[in-house]
Amino acid sequence: MTARQIRGASSMWPLAEEAPAKLIIDPPLPAVLARGMVLMQFRTENLQWSPYSALTR
């Protein structure tokens, strides 16, 4: 089952006047990989967070 089938359609929608959100992930850090762990830095562009709580539903 997909999340859409379980929870229904998303209440979020893209705004026509804004660029789409983008997630940029850097490659894993080699020194950390050598120790058997993964550490990756990331950043976002045009991403707007919206507060959400299960208590407000």
N, C-alpha and C. Protein backbone atom coordinates (compact mmCIF):
# COMPACT_ATOMS: atom_id res chain seq x y z
N MET A 1 0.83 -1.19 0.00
CA MET A 1 0.00 0.00 0.00
C MET A 1 0.87 1.24 0.00
N THR A 2 0.39 2.27 -0.64
CA THR A 2 1.11 3.53 -0.66
C THR A 2 0.59 4.45 0.44
N ALA A 3 1.37 5.49 0.74
CA ALA A 3 0.94 6.48 1.73
C ALA A 3 -0.35 7.16 1.27
N ARG A 4 -0.46 7.38 -0.03
CA ARG A 4 -1.67 8.02 -0.57
C ARG A 4 -2.90 7.14 -0.33
N GLN A 5 -2.75 5.83 -0.49
CA GLN A 5 -3.88 4.92 -0.28
C GLN A 5 -4.29 4.89 1.20
N ILE A 6 -3.32 5.01 2.09
CA ILE A 6 -3.61 4.95 3.52
C ILE A 6 -4.13 6.27 4.05
N ARG A 7 -3.44 7.37 3.71
CA ARG A 7 -3.76 8.67 4.29
C ARG A 7 -4.59 9.57 3.39
N GLY A 8 -4.71 9.23 2.10
CA GLY A 8 -5.43 10.09 1.18
C GLY A 8 -4.49 11.06 0.49
N ALA A 9 -5.05 11.91 -0.33
CA ALA A 9 -4.25 12.87 -1.09
C ALA A 9 -3.57 13.87 -0.16
N SER A 10 -2.43 14.36 -0.59
CA SER A 10 -1.68 15.34 0.20
C SER A 10 -2.45 16.65 0.29
N SER A 11 -2.35 17.30 1.43
CA SER A 11 -2.99 18.61 1.59
C SER A 11 -2.05 19.73 1.13
N MET A 12 -0.88 19.36 0.67
CA MET A 12 0.10 20.34 0.20
C MET A 12 0.02 20.40 -1.32
N TRP A 13 0.28 21.56 -1.87
CA TRP A 13 0.29 21.69 -3.31
C TRP A 13 1.35 22.71 -3.70
N PRO A 14 1.96 22.56 -4.87
CA PRO A 14 2.98 23.52 -5.29
C PRO A 14 2.34 24.86 -5.65
N LEU A 15 3.03 25.93 -5.33
CA LEU A 15 2.57 27.26 -5.69
C LEU A 15 3.09 27.60 -7.08
N ALA A 16 2.21 28.03 -7.96
CA ALA A 16 2.58 28.27 -9.36
C ALA A 16 3.64 29.36 -9.49
N GLU A 17 3.65 30.32 -8.59
CA GLU A 17 4.60 31.44 -8.72
C GLU A 17 5.96 31.17 -8.07
N GLU A 18 6.16 29.99 -7.52
CA GLU A 18 7.44 29.65 -6.89
C GLU A 18 8.10 28.47 -7.58
N ALA A 19 9.43 28.48 -7.54
CA ALA A 19 10.18 27.36 -8.11
C ALA A 19 9.94 26.11 -7.26
N PRO A 20 10.04 24.93 -7.85
CA PRO A 20 9.83 23.71 -7.06
C PRO A 20 10.93 23.52 -6.01
N ALA A 21 10.60 22.82 -4.95
CA ALA A 21 11.57 22.54 -3.89
C ALA A 21 12.67 21.63 -4.42
N LYS A 22 13.88 21.81 -3.89
CA LYS A 22 15.02 21.02 -4.33
C LYS A 22 15.80 20.57 -3.11
N LEU A 23 16.22 19.32 -3.09
CA LEU A 23 17.05 18.76 -2.03
C LEU A 23 18.41 18.45 -2.61
N ILE A 24 19.46 19.06 -2.07
CA ILE A 24 20.83 18.86 -2.54
C ILE A 24 21.59 18.09 -1.46
N ILE A 25 22.10 16.92 -1.81
CA ILE A 25 22.81 16.07 -0.85
C ILE A 25 24.26 15.92 -1.29
N ASP A 26 25.18 16.25 -0.38
CA ASP A 26 26.61 16.08 -0.66
C ASP A 26 26.98 14.60 -0.56
N PRO A 27 28.05 14.20 -1.24
CA PRO A 27 28.50 12.80 -1.11
C PRO A 27 28.90 12.49 0.34
N PRO A 28 28.85 11.23 0.73
CA PRO A 28 29.26 10.86 2.09
C PRO A 28 30.71 11.26 2.36
N LEU A 29 31.02 11.58 3.60
CA LEU A 29 32.38 11.96 3.97
C LEU A 29 33.25 10.69 4.05
N PRO A 30 34.35 10.64 3.27
CA PRO A 30 35.18 9.43 3.22
C PRO A 30 35.76 9.00 4.56
N ALA A 31 36.19 9.94 5.38
CA ALA A 31 36.79 9.58 6.68
C ALA A 31 35.78 8.87 7.58
N VAL A 32 34.54 9.29 7.51
CA VAL A 32 33.50 8.67 8.33
C VAL A 32 33.14 7.31 7.75
N LEU A 33 33.09 7.20 6.41
CA LEU A 33 32.82 5.92 5.77
C LEU A 33 33.87 4.88 6.14
N ALA A 34 35.12 5.31 6.26
CA ALA A 34 36.20 4.39 6.62
C ALA A 34 35.99 3.77 8.00
N ARG A 35 35.21 4.46 8.85
CA ARG A 35 34.91 3.92 10.18
C ARG A 35 33.60 3.13 10.21
N GLY A 36 33.00 2.93 9.02
CA GLY A 36 31.78 2.14 8.93
C GLY A 36 30.50 2.90 9.22
N MET A 37 30.55 4.23 9.15
CA MET A 37 29.37 5.06 9.37
C MET A 37 29.14 5.94 8.15
N VAL A 38 27.97 6.53 8.09
CA VAL A 38 27.66 7.44 6.99
C VAL A 38 27.24 8.78 7.57
N LEU A 39 27.84 9.84 7.04
CA LEU A 39 27.47 11.20 7.41
C LEU A 39 27.40 12.00 6.12
N MET A 40 26.20 12.47 5.80
CA MET A 40 26.02 13.25 4.58
C MET A 40 25.38 14.58 4.94
N GLN A 41 25.94 15.64 4.40
CA GLN A 41 25.36 16.95 4.61
C GLN A 41 24.35 17.22 3.51
N PHE A 42 23.35 18.02 3.82
CA PHE A 42 22.36 18.36 2.81
C PHE A 42 21.89 19.79 3.00
N ARG A 43 21.26 20.30 1.97
CA ARG A 43 20.63 21.62 2.05
C ARG A 43 19.41 21.60 1.14
N THR A 44 18.55 22.55 1.33
CA THR A 44 17.34 22.64 0.52
C THR A 44 17.25 24.01 -0.12
N GLU A 45 16.53 24.07 -1.20
CA GLU A 45 16.21 25.35 -1.85
C GLU A 45 14.71 25.37 -2.07
N ASN A 46 14.11 26.52 -1.83
CA ASN A 46 12.68 26.74 -2.07
C ASN A 46 11.80 25.74 -1.31
N LEU A 47 12.21 25.39 -0.12
CA LEU A 47 11.42 24.48 0.69
C LEU A 47 10.80 25.26 1.84
N GLN A 48 9.52 25.16 1.99
CA GLN A 48 8.84 25.84 3.08
C GLN A 48 8.27 24.80 4.03
N TRP A 49 8.69 24.86 5.28
CA TRP A 49 8.19 23.95 6.30
C TRP A 49 6.89 24.50 6.84
N SER A 50 6.00 23.61 7.12
CA SER A 50 4.72 24.00 7.69
C SER A 50 4.54 23.23 9.00
N PRO A 51 4.21 23.94 10.08
CA PRO A 51 4.01 23.21 11.34
C PRO A 51 2.81 22.27 11.22
N TYR A 52 2.98 21.09 11.74
CA TYR A 52 1.92 20.08 11.68
C TYR A 52 1.99 19.24 12.94
N SER A 53 0.86 18.98 13.49
CA SER A 53 0.80 18.13 14.67
C SER A 53 -0.39 17.20 14.52
N ALA A 54 -0.23 15.97 14.92
CA ALA A 54 -1.34 15.02 14.87
C ALA A 54 -2.47 15.48 15.79
N LEU A 55 -2.13 16.31 16.76
CA LEU A 55 -3.15 16.79 17.69
C LEU A 55 -4.08 17.80 17.05
N THR A 56 -3.65 18.43 15.94
CA THR A 56 -4.47 19.47 15.30
C THR A 56 -5.41 18.88 14.25
N ARG A 57 -5.31 17.60 13.97
CA ARG A 57 -6.17 16.99 12.95
C ARG A 57 -7.56 16.79 13.42
